[in-house]
Amino acid sequence: MATIKDIAKIAGVSVTTVSKVINEYPDIGEKTREKVIKVIEQENYRPNAIARSLSTNRSNTIGIFFTDHLNSGLRHPFFRDVIYGIEKVFFQKGYDLVMFAHRWGDRFSYTEKSKNRNVDGAILMGMPRTDPNIDRLINSNIPTVFVDLDIVGKKASYVISDNVQGAKIAVEHLYNLGHREIGMIMGQWITKAAQDRLIGFQQKKDELKLDNNNKWIIETEFSEKGGFQAMKKILSLDEKPTAVFCQGDEMAIGAMAAIEEEGFSVPDDFSLVGFDDIEISRYVRPALTTVHQDKLLMGEKTAELLLDIINEQKSFFPIVLPTKLIKRDSCKAID
């Protein structure tokens, strides 16, 4: 099996140069880099991870933390797609991923876990802003990127969808169909996504001079069960909205089931709009109109941003990804 010395000898460069190419140092000329990479591929050379971590003070490992408050793990459609995008980028760069999961309320130190596993950087998804362990992580100088949580630090930034705008286009779509009584099923207030989607919902209703009836806003968990129970509460009201914006597709699917169980139908009696555009949303009947956020792109941008921080780029900025409306069959125009 070839060693790093063998690669250097065949390529006609120093061992230091080969090491820099392997670890993607920027101070190597492109021709030299290409020559070394060609020899590495020809000789099927694989650097020893332990030796490499000792020489570079890097483990080529990334820690991914996600809040599993629904006990769904990687089956959760949002987490699954974002993580796939993350893995896609890091695989190409030779990094391994370590997954950590916890539930809200657990005593859990992101900093200690990161240090114990010697990760080069951390990605946090689904964490509430109120989590007391976040500040400690930020102050630890461990390179960190947050998904759906707008926190920045010396070595921290975030990637998020434009949730405010996404909620606005959902309300505007319903308004254009003639709906004036619009309710909302929202996620837990302590999440950034729920807060921003509520802000967008209320801002657009104010712009359109629609009544912000708080009885039509039900807070619940981001799940089918949560959507089902919330819609049941809305259906029990004497005065009901004609349309409901659900802050998540799973909520909308649960709401659809509640509507049908009570003898009503979508969209004849109630129009529904979801958020996320998870895969199942196009296959339920009626197919769900929803606000699309590009979860794969979110994962890719998260990985790229974290690599910039790890490699000490002079500047790195938060990334806000656009959303767009996907029109399907769960909404109907009314007079």
Protein backbone atom coordinates (compact mmCIF):
# COMPACT_ATOMS: atom_id res chain seq x y z
CA MET A 1 0.00 0.00 0.00
CA ALA A 2 1.36 3.41 -0.99
CA THR A 3 2.43 5.86 1.71
CA ILE A 4 2.48 9.65 1.64
CA LYS A 5 6.23 9.45 0.98
CA ASP A 6 5.58 7.26 -2.06
CA ILE A 7 3.05 9.76 -3.39
CA ALA A 8 5.52 12.63 -2.91
CA LYS A 9 8.31 10.72 -4.70
CA ILE A 10 6.16 9.75 -7.70
CA ALA A 11 4.71 13.28 -8.01
CA GLY A 12 8.14 14.87 -7.60
CA VAL A 13 7.07 17.08 -4.70
CA SER A 14 7.68 17.24 -0.97
CA VAL A 15 5.71 15.32 1.64
CA THR A 16 4.54 18.69 2.97
CA THR A 17 3.07 19.57 -0.42
CA VAL A 18 1.18 16.27 -0.59
CA SER A 19 -0.14 16.85 2.91
CA LYS A 20 -1.35 20.33 1.96
CA VAL A 21 -3.13 18.99 -1.12
CA ILE A 22 -4.87 16.29 0.94
CA ASN A 23 -5.99 18.85 3.52
CA GLU A 24 -7.05 21.39 0.87
CA TYR A 25 -4.67 24.19 1.82
CA PRO A 26 -5.15 27.16 -0.52
CA ASP A 27 -1.44 27.97 -1.02
CA ILE A 28 -0.78 25.19 -3.57
CA GLY A 29 -0.76 25.95 -7.29
CA GLU A 30 -3.49 24.36 -9.40
CA LYS A 31 -1.08 22.42 -11.63
CA THR A 32 0.73 20.97 -8.62
CA ARG A 33 -2.58 20.14 -6.96
CA GLU A 34 -3.85 18.33 -10.06
CA LYS A 35 -0.58 16.39 -10.43
CA VAL A 36 -0.66 15.20 -6.80
CA ILE A 37 -4.37 14.27 -6.97
CA LYS A 38 -3.72 12.27 -10.15
CA VAL A 39 -0.95 10.27 -8.43
CA ILE A 40 -3.14 9.74 -5.34
CA GLU A 41 -5.91 8.33 -7.54
CA GLN A 42 -3.50 6.15 -9.54
CA GLU A 43 -1.96 4.68 -6.41
CA ASN A 44 -5.36 4.36 -4.66
CA TYR A 45 -3.86 6.17 -1.66
CA ARG A 46 -6.03 6.62 1.41
CA PRO A 47 -4.64 8.86 4.17
CA ASN A 48 -4.69 7.43 7.67
CA ALA A 49 -7.40 9.35 9.54
CA ILE A 50 -5.69 9.18 12.92
CA ALA A 51 -2.32 10.30 11.58
CA ARG A 52 -4.00 13.07 9.62
CA SER A 53 -5.88 14.36 12.66
CA LEU A 54 -2.64 14.46 14.66
CA SER A 55 -0.79 16.43 11.98
CA THR A 56 -3.59 18.86 11.13
CA ASN A 57 -5.39 19.04 14.48
CA ARG A 58 -8.55 18.08 12.59
CA SER A 59 -10.67 14.95 12.77
CA ASN A 60 -12.58 15.46 9.49
CA THR A 61 -15.73 14.77 11.47
CA ILE A 62 -18.84 16.94 11.77
CA GLY A 63 -21.35 16.71 14.61
CA ILE A 64 -25.05 17.05 13.72
CA PHE A 65 -27.42 17.84 16.56
CA PHE A 66 -31.17 17.71 16.06
CA THR A 67 -34.06 18.00 18.48
CA ASP A 68 -36.14 14.85 18.27
CA HIS A 69 -39.19 16.10 20.18
CA LEU A 70 -41.56 13.85 18.20
CA ASN A 71 -39.43 10.71 18.64
CA SER A 72 -39.31 10.30 14.86
CA GLY A 73 -35.54 10.39 14.43
CA LEU A 74 -34.22 10.52 10.89
CA ARG A 75 -37.65 9.52 9.56
CA HIS A 76 -38.73 13.13 10.03
CA PRO A 77 -39.12 14.42 6.43
CA PHE A 78 -37.52 17.81 7.14
CA PHE A 79 -34.48 16.46 9.00
CA ARG A 80 -34.03 13.63 6.52
CA ASP A 81 -33.84 15.83 3.44
CA VAL A 82 -31.66 18.51 5.03
CA ILE A 83 -29.23 15.90 6.36
CA TYR A 84 -29.05 14.29 2.93
CA GLY A 85 -27.91 17.64 1.49
CA ILE A 86 -25.36 18.04 4.29
CA GLU A 87 -23.99 14.55 3.78
CA LYS A 88 -23.75 15.03 0.02
CA VAL A 89 -21.32 17.95 0.39
CA PHE A 90 -19.25 16.56 3.25
CA PHE A 91 -18.86 13.16 1.57
CA GLN A 92 -17.23 14.87 -1.39
CA LYS A 93 -14.84 16.63 1.01
CA GLY A 94 -13.89 13.44 2.87
CA TYR A 95 -15.72 14.19 6.13
CA ASP A 96 -17.63 11.78 8.35
CA LEU A 97 -20.82 12.73 10.20
CA VAL A 98 -21.69 11.98 13.81
CA MET A 99 -25.38 12.20 14.73
CA PHE A 100 -26.60 13.36 18.12
CA ALA A 101 -30.27 13.50 19.15
CA HIS A 102 -32.13 14.68 22.21
CA ARG A 103 -35.58 15.82 23.28
CA TRP A 104 -36.56 19.21 24.62
CA GLY A 105 -35.97 19.43 28.34
CA ASP A 106 -33.01 17.01 28.38
CA ARG A 107 -29.77 18.17 29.93
CA PHE A 108 -27.53 18.13 26.93
CA SER A 109 -24.26 19.93 26.30
CA TYR A 110 -23.48 20.49 22.64
CA THR A 111 -20.06 21.78 23.63
CA GLU A 112 -19.05 18.73 25.65
CA LYS A 113 -20.35 16.33 23.01
CA SER A 114 -18.44 18.20 20.31
CA LYS A 115 -15.23 18.21 22.32
CA ASN A 116 -15.55 14.57 23.36
CA ARG A 117 -15.95 13.47 19.75
CA ASN A 118 -13.33 15.99 18.60
CA VAL A 119 -15.55 17.24 15.78
CA ASP A 120 -14.28 19.99 13.49
CA GLY A 121 -17.65 21.73 13.47
CA ALA A 122 -21.26 21.41 14.61
CA ILE A 123 -24.65 21.75 12.93
CA LEU A 124 -27.76 22.33 15.05
CA MET A 125 -31.30 21.76 13.78
CA GLY A 126 -34.68 22.22 15.46
CA MET A 127 -33.35 23.81 18.65
CA PRO A 128 -35.50 26.38 20.47
CA ARG A 129 -34.02 29.82 20.96
CA THR A 130 -34.44 29.36 24.72
CA ASP A 131 -32.00 26.42 24.89
CA PRO A 132 -29.43 27.47 27.53
CA ASN A 133 -26.69 25.31 26.02
CA ILE A 134 -26.52 27.35 22.81
CA ASP A 135 -24.66 30.30 24.35
CA ARG A 136 -21.98 28.00 25.73
CA LEU A 137 -21.44 26.48 22.30
CA ILE A 138 -21.15 29.91 20.69
CA ASN A 139 -18.60 31.00 23.29
CA SER A 140 -16.55 27.81 22.80
CA ASN A 141 -15.37 28.94 19.34
CA ILE A 142 -16.38 25.60 17.84
CA PRO A 143 -17.37 26.34 14.20
CA THR A 144 -21.17 26.12 14.17
CA VAL A 145 -24.04 26.53 11.74
CA PHE A 146 -27.68 26.67 12.84
CA VAL A 147 -30.55 25.52 10.65
CA ASP A 148 -33.82 27.45 11.10
CA LEU A 149 -32.43 29.50 13.97
CA ASP A 150 -30.91 32.94 13.35
CA ILE A 151 -27.93 32.98 15.72
CA VAL A 152 -24.52 34.38 14.83
CA GLY A 153 -21.17 34.49 16.59
CA LYS A 154 -17.45 34.80 15.97
CA LYS A 155 -17.47 31.28 14.50
CA ALA A 156 -21.19 30.75 14.05
CA SER A 157 -23.83 31.58 11.47
CA TYR A 158 -27.08 30.16 10.12
CA VAL A 159 -29.10 28.95 7.13
CA ILE A 160 -32.82 29.55 7.11
CA SER A 161 -35.74 29.67 4.68
CA ASP A 162 -37.64 32.93 4.28
CA ASN A 163 -40.45 31.81 6.56
CA VAL A 164 -42.01 35.27 6.83
CA GLN A 165 -42.35 35.59 3.07
CA GLY A 166 -43.54 32.00 2.80
CA ALA A 167 -46.43 32.66 5.16
CA LYS A 168 -47.30 35.84 3.30
CA ILE A 169 -47.60 34.09 -0.06
CA ALA A 170 -49.83 31.44 1.54
CA VAL A 171 -52.24 34.07 2.87
CA GLU A 172 -52.15 36.04 -0.37
CA HIS A 173 -53.03 32.92 -2.36
CA LEU A 174 -56.07 32.26 -0.16
CA TYR A 175 -57.09 35.92 -0.37
CA ASN A 176 -56.90 35.85 -4.16
CA LEU A 177 -59.25 32.86 -4.11
CA GLY A 178 -61.81 34.97 -2.25
CA HIS A 179 -61.13 33.85 1.33
CA ARG A 180 -61.43 36.53 3.99
CA GLU A 181 -61.75 34.35 7.10
CA ILE A 182 -58.37 32.62 7.33
CA GLY A 183 -57.17 30.62 10.32
CA MET A 184 -53.78 29.15 11.14
CA ILE A 185 -52.45 26.02 12.81
CA MET A 186 -49.00 26.94 14.12
CA GLY A 187 -46.08 25.08 15.66
CA GLN A 188 -44.58 25.61 19.10
CA TRP A 189 -43.89 29.28 19.75
CA ILE A 190 -40.34 28.63 20.98
CA THR A 191 -39.23 27.60 17.47
CA LYS A 192 -37.95 30.24 15.06
CA ALA A 193 -39.95 28.80 12.16
CA ALA A 194 -43.23 29.08 14.08
CA GLN A 195 -42.49 32.65 15.11
CA ASP A 196 -41.59 33.82 11.62
CA ARG A 197 -44.54 32.10 9.97
CA LEU A 198 -46.86 33.72 12.49
CA ILE A 199 -45.28 37.12 11.80
CA GLY A 200 -45.73 36.69 8.05
CA PHE A 201 -49.31 35.50 8.51
CA GLN A 202 -50.26 38.49 10.64
CA GLN A 203 -48.39 41.03 8.52
CA LYS A 204 -50.09 39.92 5.32
CA LYS A 205 -53.53 39.90 6.98
CA ASP A 206 -52.86 43.45 8.20
CA GLU A 207 -51.80 44.51 4.69
CA LEU A 208 -55.00 43.03 3.28
CA LYS A 209 -57.07 44.53 6.14
CA LEU A 210 -58.34 41.11 7.23
CA ASP A 211 -59.55 40.32 10.73
CA ASN A 212 -56.86 38.73 12.92
CA ASN A 213 -59.22 36.49 14.87
CA ASN A 214 -57.04 34.89 17.55
CA LYS A 215 -59.61 32.11 18.04
CA TRP A 216 -58.62 30.85 14.61
CA ILE A 217 -54.92 30.55 15.57
CA ILE A 218 -54.19 27.25 17.32
CA GLU A 219 -50.72 26.36 18.61
CA THR A 220 -49.69 22.70 18.56
CA GLU A 221 -46.78 20.41 17.66
CA PHE A 222 -45.41 20.05 14.14
CA SER A 223 -47.08 16.69 13.44
CA GLU A 224 -50.15 15.05 11.91
CA LYS A 225 -51.53 14.47 15.41
CA GLY A 226 -51.03 18.14 16.27
CA GLY A 227 -52.76 19.25 13.07
CA PHE A 228 -55.65 16.84 13.66
CA GLN A 229 -56.26 18.04 17.22
CA ALA A 230 -55.91 21.72 16.30
CA MET A 231 -58.36 21.42 13.42
CA LYS A 232 -60.85 19.71 15.73
CA LYS A 233 -60.71 22.81 17.95
CA ILE A 234 -61.32 25.09 14.98
CA LEU A 235 -64.24 22.95 13.84
CA SER A 236 -65.81 23.19 17.30
CA LEU A 237 -66.08 26.99 17.04
CA ASP A 238 -69.43 28.59 16.24
CA GLU A 239 -67.73 30.92 13.77
CA LYS A 240 -65.31 29.05 11.52
CA PRO A 241 -62.76 30.24 8.94
CA THR A 242 -63.18 29.20 5.32
CA ALA A 243 -59.47 28.48 4.93
CA VAL A 244 -56.60 27.40 7.17
CA PHE A 245 -52.86 27.93 6.72
CA CYS A 246 -50.90 25.14 8.41
CA GLN A 247 -47.29 25.86 9.33
CA GLY A 248 -46.23 22.34 8.31
CA ASP A 249 -47.39 19.80 5.74
CA GLU A 250 -47.78 17.06 8.36
CA MET A 251 -50.08 19.41 10.29
CA ALA A 252 -52.11 20.01 7.12
CA ILE A 253 -52.48 16.28 6.49
CA GLY A 254 -53.72 15.82 10.06
CA ALA A 255 -56.11 18.76 9.63
CA MET A 256 -57.43 17.20 6.43
CA ALA A 257 -58.22 13.99 8.32
CA ALA A 258 -60.07 15.93 11.05
CA ILE A 259 -62.15 17.79 8.45
CA GLU A 260 -63.16 14.55 6.76
CA GLU A 261 -63.94 12.86 10.08
CA GLU A 262 -66.39 15.65 10.90
CA GLY A 263 -68.22 15.10 7.63
CA PHE A 264 -66.73 18.04 5.73
CA SER A 265 -64.44 18.01 2.71
CA VAL A 266 -61.32 19.72 1.37
CA PRO A 267 -61.52 21.98 -0.58
CA ASP A 268 -65.31 22.23 -0.89
CA ASP A 269 -65.83 23.25 2.75
CA PHE A 270 -62.35 24.30 3.82
CA SER A 271 -59.25 25.24 1.84
CA LEU A 272 -55.87 24.19 3.24
CA VAL A 273 -52.31 25.38 2.61
CA GLY A 274 -49.29 23.64 4.13
CA PHE A 275 -45.61 24.53 4.45
CA ASP A 276 -42.47 22.51 3.55
CA ASP A 277 -43.55 20.59 0.43
CA ILE A 278 -42.59 17.20 1.83
CA GLU A 279 -42.83 14.32 -0.63
CA ILE A 280 -46.13 12.91 0.66
CA SER A 281 -47.90 16.26 0.16
CA ARG A 282 -48.29 15.62 -3.57
CA TYR A 283 -49.76 12.13 -3.03
CA VAL A 284 -52.47 12.78 -0.42
CA ARG A 285 -55.95 13.37 -1.77
CA PRO A 286 -56.64 16.10 -2.46
CA ALA A 287 -53.02 16.91 -3.24
CA LEU A 288 -51.81 19.60 -0.85
CA THR A 289 -51.15 23.18 -1.87
CA THR A 290 -48.05 24.15 0.07
CA VAL A 291 -45.14 26.56 0.48
CA HIS A 292 -42.00 24.92 -0.85
CA GLN A 293 -38.68 25.26 0.93
CA ASP A 294 -35.69 23.62 -0.72
CA LYS A 295 -34.53 21.28 2.03
CA LEU A 296 -31.79 19.63 -0.03
CA LEU A 297 -30.35 23.03 -0.93
CA MET A 298 -30.62 24.07 2.71
CA GLY A 299 -28.46 21.09 3.67
CA GLU A 300 -25.91 21.82 0.95
CA LYS A 301 -25.64 25.50 1.89
CA THR A 302 -25.31 24.55 5.56
CA ALA A 303 -22.36 22.29 4.80
CA GLU A 304 -20.69 24.85 2.53
CA LEU A 305 -21.11 27.60 5.13
CA LEU A 306 -19.63 25.42 7.88
CA LEU A 307 -16.64 24.58 5.67
CA ASP A 308 -16.05 28.30 5.17
CA ILE A 309 -16.01 28.82 8.94
CA ILE A 310 -13.78 25.80 9.57
CA ASN A 311 -11.32 26.94 6.91
CA GLU A 312 -11.29 30.42 8.47
CA GLN A 313 -12.59 32.32 5.50
CA LYS A 314 -12.25 36.05 6.12
CA SER A 315 -16.00 36.60 5.84
CA PHE A 316 -19.08 34.43 6.02
CA PHE A 317 -22.69 35.52 6.08
CA PRO A 318 -26.06 34.06 7.07
CA ILE A 319 -27.98 32.47 4.21
CA VAL A 320 -31.72 33.07 3.71
CA LEU A 321 -33.26 30.82 1.06
CA PRO A 322 -36.36 31.82 -0.91
CA THR A 323 -39.69 30.00 -0.71
CA LYS A 324 -42.38 29.57 -3.33
CA LEU A 325 -46.00 28.45 -3.51
CA ILE A 326 -46.83 25.05 -5.02
CA LYS A 327 -50.46 25.08 -6.17
CA ARG A 328 -52.30 21.77 -6.00
CA ASP A 329 -55.86 20.71 -5.21
CA SER A 330 -56.53 21.57 -1.54
CA CYS A 331 -57.69 25.14 -2.20
CA LYS A 332 -60.85 26.39 -3.88
CA ALA A 333 -62.05 29.78 -5.02
CA ILE A 334 -65.17 31.10 -3.27
CA ASP A 335 -67.52 33.98 -3.98
